[in-house]
Amino acid sequence: MSPRSALVSVQNLTRVFDVSKPWLNRVIERLPKRYLTAVSDVSFDIPARTTYALVGESGSGKSTIGKMVVGLLRPSEGHVTIDGVDLATETDPAVIDRIRTDIQMIFQDPFASLNPRWKVRDIITEPVAARGGDVTGLAEKLLTQVGLAPEDAGKYPHQFSGGQRQRLCVARALASEPKLIVCDEPTSALDVSVQAQVLNLMSDLKEEHGLTYLFISHDLTVVRHMADRIGVLYLGRLVEEATPDDLFTKPAHPYTAMLIDAAPKLDAFGREVTPPEGEIPDPIDPPKGCAFHPRCPLAIDRCKAERPKLEPFGAGRVACHRAGEIALESAA
C-alpha cells in the first residue's frame, strides 16, 4: 500500500435505529414503528498518515460513524473497509484480529473511559497483554512519550487531572501500535489551554508513529489546525468536504458558512457573534428535499422538493443546489 493510498474507505454508510415504543404500547395506542436514520449514505476515504475530520452540530451522526468505523456498531447499509478488510463481513479470525489490532479509539470523557480500579500500568498494557504480548517496560515507555513520568505507572486514574487522563488514553491507544485512531471529541471536556497541549501531542505522535486519524469534533477551530481534509455533516448526511483552507476561505454550503460565522474568532473581541439560526429538525421525520432548507437563508423551491446529491465541486464535494452561486458571491 502506497503512503497516500486509502487506509480507510467508507462507502454509502447508513445506520438506522428502531426507536419504537414497546410492542404492547404500540398495540394499545395503535402506533406504528418509528425509525431514526442517524447516518445516511455517507462516503469518504482517509489516506494513510493523514487526518480526516468530521464536524457538525450535536445529533449530526459524527459519533455514530466513528463507532461503525471501529466496529462497535454494525452498518444498516454500506461498508467500512480498513486496509482492504470489511470487519462486518470478514470471516477469517486471523484477519479480523490483525485489523482490530490496527484500530484504537480515544473517547470524549477521560474520566469515564479509564477503569478506576486498575493501576495505570494495567490500563495502558491491556491491549497488548490480552494478546499475550510482552509488556515489560511498555507502560513506562509510553508514559514518557505522552509527557508523563514513568513512575506514574503505579498510580490510579483518580490521581490525575483531566488533561493527564486524556494523555493516559492516548498512551493506551498507542500500546498496540495501531495504524488508525478514531478520536471522538477527545478535547471537548478539557480547558482550552489543556486542549492545545493534547492536540499538539497528538500531532507530534502522528508524525512520529505514522498514524492515521479520524477526528470527530464540533469545534471548527480545532479541526482547522488538525485536519488534512474536513467533512461537514448535517442530519446524518455529508453536505460538504474540502481542505481546511478551502472550507474556511470559500465555504460552498450555507450550513458550513453558518458554522464558521458562529465559531469563536481571535479578532472578534467586542463583536457580537451571530448564533446558528433555527434548530436541527426531527431526525425521525426530516424535511423533504434538502434537510437544511428550513434554516437556509438561500433556500428556493427546488431545495424544498429535491434532495441535492453530494457532487464534486472544485477540489472538494458539496451537496447544495446553489453551491455555484455561493462560490461566486464569496469570490466577489
Protein backbone atom coordinates (compact mmCIF):
# COMPACT_ATOMS: atom_id res chain seq x y z
CA MET A 1 0.00 0.00 0.00
CA SER A 2 1.44 3.39 -1.01
CA PRO A 3 1.87 6.06 1.68
CA ARG A 4 -1.06 8.13 0.38
CA SER A 5 -3.46 5.32 -0.55
CA ALA A 6 -6.74 4.99 1.35
CA LEU A 7 -6.29 3.17 4.65
CA VAL A 8 -9.99 3.66 5.44
CA SER A 9 -12.77 3.62 2.86
CA VAL A 10 -16.34 4.42 3.89
CA GLN A 11 -18.92 3.68 1.19
CA ASN A 12 -22.64 4.52 1.33
CA LEU A 13 -22.69 4.13 5.09
CA THR A 14 -26.15 4.15 6.69
CA ARG A 15 -27.30 3.42 10.23
CA VAL A 16 -30.96 3.20 11.23
CA PHE A 17 -32.14 2.79 14.84
CA ASP A 18 -35.52 1.39 15.85
CA VAL A 19 -36.87 3.92 18.37
CA SER A 20 -40.39 2.49 18.56
CA LYS A 21 -42.27 2.14 21.81
CA PRO A 22 -42.55 -1.41 23.25
CA TRP A 23 -44.85 -3.77 21.35
CA LEU A 24 -47.70 -3.68 23.90
CA ASN A 25 -47.72 0.14 23.97
CA ARG A 26 -47.91 0.24 20.18
CA VAL A 27 -50.86 -2.18 20.17
CA ILE A 28 -52.80 -0.30 22.84
CA GLU A 29 -52.08 3.15 21.42
CA ARG A 30 -52.26 1.95 17.79
CA LEU A 31 -48.90 3.43 16.94
CA PRO A 32 -46.64 2.44 14.03
CA LYS A 33 -42.96 1.61 14.38
CA ARG A 34 -40.61 4.59 14.36
CA TYR A 35 -37.12 4.64 12.90
CA LEU A 36 -34.34 7.17 13.29
CA THR A 37 -31.79 7.44 10.49
CA ALA A 38 -28.66 8.59 12.31
CA VAL A 39 -26.36 8.27 9.28
CA SER A 40 -27.49 8.25 5.66
CA ASP A 41 -25.42 7.33 2.59
CA VAL A 42 -22.08 8.74 3.79
CA SER A 43 -18.93 8.06 1.73
CA PHE A 44 -15.34 9.24 2.21
CA ASP A 45 -11.76 7.94 2.13
CA ILE A 46 -8.91 8.52 4.57
CA PRO A 47 -5.42 8.17 3.05
CA ALA A 48 -2.76 6.65 5.29
CA ARG A 49 -0.87 9.06 7.58
CA THR A 50 -3.49 11.82 7.23
CA THR A 51 -6.23 13.28 9.44
CA TYR A 52 -9.85 13.35 8.29
CA ALA A 53 -12.19 15.42 10.45
CA LEU A 54 -15.95 15.12 10.78
CA VAL A 55 -17.71 18.24 12.09
CA GLY A 56 -21.31 19.22 12.73
CA GLU A 57 -23.78 20.09 15.45
CA SER A 58 -24.89 17.62 18.11
CA GLY A 59 -27.05 14.91 16.57
CA SER A 60 -25.44 15.11 13.14
CA GLY A 61 -24.18 11.50 13.27
CA LYS A 62 -20.46 12.06 13.92
CA SER A 63 -20.05 9.64 16.81
CA THR A 64 -22.25 7.01 15.15
CA ILE A 65 -19.89 6.99 12.14
CA GLY A 66 -16.89 6.71 14.46
CA LYS A 67 -18.40 3.70 16.22
CA MET A 68 -19.15 2.00 12.90
CA VAL A 69 -15.59 2.58 11.70
CA VAL A 70 -14.09 0.85 14.75
CA GLY A 71 -16.71 -1.93 14.70
CA LEU A 72 -18.71 -1.00 17.80
CA LEU A 73 -21.82 -0.65 15.61
CA ARG A 74 -22.78 -2.60 12.50
CA PRO A 75 -23.92 -0.55 9.49
CA SER A 76 -27.53 -0.93 8.38
CA GLU A 77 -26.26 -0.43 4.84
CA GLY A 78 -22.92 0.32 3.23
CA HIS A 79 -19.38 -0.75 4.07
CA VAL A 80 -16.31 0.31 6.02
CA THR A 81 -13.05 -1.22 4.79
CA ILE A 82 -9.82 -0.80 6.74
CA ASP A 83 -6.65 -1.79 4.95
CA GLY A 84 -8.90 -3.54 2.42
CA VAL A 85 -10.85 -5.55 5.03
CA ASP A 86 -14.54 -5.14 5.89
CA LEU A 87 -14.88 -6.27 9.53
CA ALA A 88 -18.66 -6.62 9.19
CA THR A 89 -18.32 -9.35 6.55
CA GLU A 90 -14.84 -10.83 7.13
CA THR A 91 -14.86 -14.42 8.44
CA ASP A 92 -11.14 -15.22 8.83
CA PRO A 93 -10.34 -14.89 12.59
CA ALA A 94 -6.68 -14.14 11.91
CA VAL A 95 -7.53 -11.28 9.54
CA ILE A 96 -10.13 -9.88 11.94
CA ASP A 97 -7.63 -9.99 14.82
CA ARG A 98 -4.97 -8.23 12.72
CA ILE A 99 -7.27 -5.41 11.67
CA ARG A 100 -8.67 -4.93 15.18
CA THR A 101 -5.12 -4.58 16.46
CA ASP A 102 -4.63 -1.77 13.92
CA ILE A 103 -7.59 0.24 15.29
CA GLN A 104 -7.89 2.18 18.54
CA MET A 105 -10.31 4.81 19.82
CA ILE A 106 -9.92 7.81 22.13
CA PHE A 107 -13.22 8.73 23.77
CA GLN A 108 -14.65 12.10 24.72
CA ASP A 109 -14.67 11.74 28.50
CA PRO A 110 -11.26 10.93 30.04
CA PHE A 111 -12.94 10.42 33.42
CA ALA A 112 -15.31 7.69 32.23
CA SER A 113 -13.02 5.85 29.81
CA LEU A 114 -10.45 4.65 32.38
CA ASN A 115 -11.09 1.84 34.84
CA PRO A 116 -10.86 3.47 38.31
CA ARG A 117 -9.92 0.14 39.96
CA TRP A 118 -6.89 -0.51 37.75
CA LYS A 119 -3.45 0.99 38.01
CA VAL A 120 -2.20 2.98 35.05
CA ARG A 121 0.28 0.25 34.12
CA ASP A 122 -2.52 -2.29 33.70
CA ILE A 123 -4.75 0.15 31.79
CA ILE A 124 -2.06 1.00 29.23
CA THR A 125 -0.75 -2.51 28.68
CA GLU A 126 -4.16 -4.23 28.49
CA PRO A 127 -4.38 -4.20 24.63
CA VAL A 128 -1.01 -5.99 24.42
CA ALA A 129 -1.43 -8.28 27.43
CA ALA A 130 -4.79 -9.52 26.13
CA ARG A 131 -2.95 -10.96 23.11
CA GLY A 132 -0.12 -12.46 25.14
CA GLY A 133 2.47 -9.84 24.16
CA ASP A 134 5.48 -8.73 26.20
CA VAL A 135 4.55 -5.69 28.30
CA THR A 136 7.81 -5.30 30.22
CA GLY A 137 8.57 -1.58 30.46
CA LEU A 138 5.85 -0.76 27.93
CA ALA A 139 3.76 1.47 30.20
CA GLU A 140 6.81 3.46 31.34
CA LYS A 141 7.94 3.98 27.75
CA LEU A 142 4.52 5.19 26.57
CA LEU A 143 4.04 7.45 29.59
CA THR A 144 7.29 9.17 28.69
CA GLN A 145 6.13 9.60 25.08
CA VAL A 146 2.93 11.35 26.15
CA GLY A 147 4.71 13.70 28.53
CA LEU A 148 4.12 11.94 31.86
CA ALA A 149 6.57 10.37 34.30
CA PRO A 150 7.44 6.64 34.19
CA GLU A 151 6.66 6.33 37.91
CA ASP A 152 3.06 7.33 37.15
CA ALA A 153 2.53 3.72 36.03
CA GLY A 154 1.91 2.73 39.66
CA LYS A 155 -0.85 5.31 40.25
CA TYR A 156 -4.63 5.17 39.82
CA PRO A 157 -6.67 7.35 37.39
CA HIS A 158 -8.19 9.48 40.18
CA GLN A 159 -4.71 10.82 40.95
CA PHE A 160 -4.54 12.67 37.60
CA SER A 161 -6.11 15.81 36.18
CA GLY A 162 -8.42 15.76 33.14
CA GLY A 163 -5.65 16.61 30.69
CA GLN A 164 -3.34 14.00 32.21
CA ARG A 165 -6.10 11.38 31.98
CA GLN A 166 -6.53 12.09 28.30
CA ARG A 167 -2.77 11.61 27.89
CA LEU A 168 -3.23 8.22 29.56
CA CYS A 169 -5.92 7.42 26.99
CA VAL A 170 -3.52 8.38 24.20
CA ALA A 171 -0.83 6.14 25.71
CA ARG A 172 -3.28 3.24 25.90
CA ALA A 173 -4.26 3.80 22.26
CA LEU A 174 -0.59 3.67 21.21
CA ALA A 175 0.17 0.45 23.09
CA SER A 176 -0.90 -1.93 20.30
CA GLU A 177 0.95 0.13 17.65
CA PRO A 178 -2.23 0.94 15.67
CA LYS A 179 -2.46 2.39 12.18
CA LEU A 180 -5.80 4.14 12.76
CA ILE A 181 -7.02 6.06 15.81
CA VAL A 182 -10.61 7.32 15.93
CA CYS A 183 -10.75 10.40 18.16
CA ASP A 184 -14.29 11.13 19.35
CA GLU A 185 -14.17 14.74 20.59
CA PRO A 186 -11.00 13.99 22.59
CA THR A 187 -10.57 17.53 23.95
CA SER A 188 -14.13 18.79 24.44
CA ALA A 189 -14.10 18.01 28.19
CA LEU A 190 -10.81 19.88 28.75
CA ASP A 191 -9.89 23.50 29.41
CA VAL A 192 -8.70 25.48 26.38
CA SER A 193 -5.05 25.60 27.46
CA VAL A 194 -5.05 21.86 28.15
CA GLN A 195 -6.76 21.22 24.79
CA ALA A 196 -3.82 22.82 23.00
CA GLN A 197 -1.34 20.59 24.85
CA VAL A 198 -3.22 17.40 24.00
CA LEU A 199 -3.71 18.41 20.34
CA ASN A 200 -0.02 19.27 19.96
CA LEU A 201 0.85 15.90 21.50
CA MET A 202 -1.44 14.09 19.04
CA SER A 203 0.10 15.95 16.09
CA ASP A 204 3.61 15.04 17.21
CA LEU A 205 2.68 11.38 17.72
CA LYS A 206 1.05 11.26 14.29
CA GLU A 207 4.35 12.23 12.67
CA GLU A 208 6.44 10.02 14.94
CA HIS A 209 4.34 6.85 14.56
CA GLY A 210 2.87 7.40 11.07
CA LEU A 211 -0.69 7.41 12.45
CA THR A 212 -3.97 7.98 10.62
CA TYR A 213 -6.70 9.88 12.49
CA LEU A 214 -10.46 10.07 12.10
CA PHE A 215 -11.03 13.19 14.19
CA ILE A 216 -14.60 13.87 15.35
CA SER A 217 -15.39 17.33 16.71
CA HIS A 218 -17.95 20.11 16.82
CA ASP A 219 -15.17 22.71 17.19
CA LEU A 220 -14.12 24.13 13.82
CA THR A 221 -11.15 25.99 15.30
CA VAL A 222 -9.71 22.66 16.45
CA VAL A 223 -10.13 20.74 13.20
CA ARG A 224 -8.76 23.63 11.13
CA HIS A 225 -5.31 23.01 12.60
CA MET A 226 -5.56 19.21 12.91
CA ALA A 227 -7.16 18.02 9.66
CA ASP A 228 -5.89 17.43 6.15
CA ARG A 229 -9.49 17.17 4.96
CA ILE A 230 -12.81 18.06 6.61
CA GLY A 231 -16.27 16.56 6.12
CA VAL A 232 -19.29 18.57 7.30
CA LEU A 233 -22.29 16.56 8.49
CA TYR A 234 -25.88 17.71 8.77
CA LEU A 235 -28.66 15.42 9.97
CA GLY A 236 -26.65 12.30 9.15
CA ARG A 237 -25.57 13.36 5.67
CA LEU A 238 -22.28 14.67 4.36
CA VAL A 239 -23.07 18.13 2.91
CA GLU A 240 -19.54 19.35 2.16
CA GLU A 241 -15.99 18.04 2.03
CA ALA A 242 -12.90 20.17 1.43
CA THR A 243 -9.41 21.02 2.63
CA PRO A 244 -9.26 23.31 5.68
CA ASP A 245 -8.05 26.28 3.60
CA ASP A 246 -10.87 25.95 1.07
CA LEU A 247 -13.51 25.28 3.70
CA PHE A 248 -12.68 28.35 5.78
CA THR A 249 -11.94 30.81 2.98
CA LYS A 250 -14.66 29.82 0.48
CA PRO A 251 -17.32 27.53 2.00
CA ALA A 252 -19.62 26.15 -0.68
CA HIS A 253 -22.56 25.14 1.55
CA PRO A 254 -24.63 27.66 3.56
CA TYR A 255 -24.55 25.35 6.60
CA THR A 256 -20.74 25.38 6.56
CA ALA A 257 -20.77 29.16 6.28
CA MET A 258 -23.17 29.35 9.24
CA LEU A 259 -20.90 27.17 11.40
CA ILE A 260 -17.86 29.27 10.51
CA ASP A 261 -19.67 32.52 11.32
CA ALA A 262 -20.67 31.11 14.73
CA ALA A 263 -17.17 29.87 15.61
CA PRO A 264 -15.09 31.92 18.11
CA LYS A 265 -12.54 34.23 16.48
CA LEU A 266 -9.37 35.69 17.95
CA ASP A 267 -10.08 39.15 16.48
CA ALA A 268 -13.74 39.21 17.47
CA PHE A 269 -13.48 40.95 20.87
CA GLY A 270 -16.34 43.39 21.26
CA ARG A 271 -18.20 42.00 18.27
CA GLU A 272 -21.50 40.23 18.55
CA VAL A 273 -21.38 36.69 17.17
CA THR A 274 -24.48 35.56 15.32
CA PRO A 275 -25.56 32.16 16.70
CA PRO A 276 -26.69 29.45 14.26
CA GLU A 277 -30.29 30.09 13.24
CA GLY A 278 -33.02 27.57 13.96
CA GLU A 279 -32.66 24.04 15.28
CA ILE A 280 -31.88 20.68 13.74
CA PRO A 281 -35.15 19.11 12.51
CA ASP A 282 -36.55 15.91 13.98
CA PRO A 283 -34.36 13.12 12.52
CA ILE A 284 -37.31 10.70 12.75
CA ASP A 285 -39.33 12.94 10.43
CA PRO A 286 -36.83 15.02 8.44
CA PRO A 287 -37.92 17.70 5.95
CA LYS A 288 -38.40 16.77 2.32
CA GLY A 289 -35.81 17.89 -0.18
CA CYS A 290 -32.67 19.40 1.36
CA ALA A 291 -32.80 18.80 5.14
CA PHE A 292 -31.20 22.21 5.74
CA HIS A 293 -33.77 24.25 3.79
CA PRO A 294 -35.90 25.27 6.84
CA ARG A 295 -32.84 27.08 8.26
CA CYS A 296 -31.21 28.18 5.00
CA PRO A 297 -31.40 31.88 4.03
CA LEU A 298 -30.76 30.95 0.38
CA ALA A 299 -33.37 28.21 0.01
CA ILE A 300 -35.51 28.16 -3.13
CA ASP A 301 -38.46 26.00 -4.17
CA ARG A 302 -36.13 23.37 -5.63
CA CYS A 303 -34.45 22.96 -2.25
CA LYS A 304 -37.79 22.11 -0.64
CA ALA A 305 -38.63 19.43 -3.21
CA GLU A 306 -35.34 17.85 -4.36
CA ARG A 307 -32.57 16.48 -2.17
CA PRO A 308 -29.18 17.62 -3.56
CA LYS A 309 -26.56 14.99 -4.34
CA LEU A 310 -23.01 15.18 -3.00
CA GLU A 311 -21.06 16.05 -6.14
CA PRO A 312 -17.51 17.18 -6.97
CA PHE A 313 -17.04 20.92 -6.57
CA GLY A 314 -13.61 22.43 -7.07
CA ALA A 315 -11.13 20.34 -5.08
CA GLY A 316 -13.88 19.03 -2.79
CA ARG A 317 -17.51 17.92 -2.80
CA VAL A 318 -20.76 19.66 -1.90
CA ALA A 319 -24.47 18.82 -1.70
CA CYS A 320 -26.20 22.12 -2.50
CA HIS A 321 -28.31 23.29 -5.44
CA ARG A 322 -26.88 26.80 -5.10
CA ALA A 323 -23.20 25.99 -4.45
CA GLY A 324 -22.06 27.74 -7.63
CA GLU A 325 -23.87 30.95 -6.72
CA ILE A 326 -22.45 30.88 -3.19
CA ALA A 327 -18.93 30.48 -4.56
CA LEU A 328 -19.40 33.44 -6.91
CA GLU A 329 -20.70 35.61 -4.05
CA SER A 330 -17.72 34.61 -1.88
CA ALA A 331 -15.30 35.47 -4.68
CA ALA A 332 -17.00 38.84 -5.18
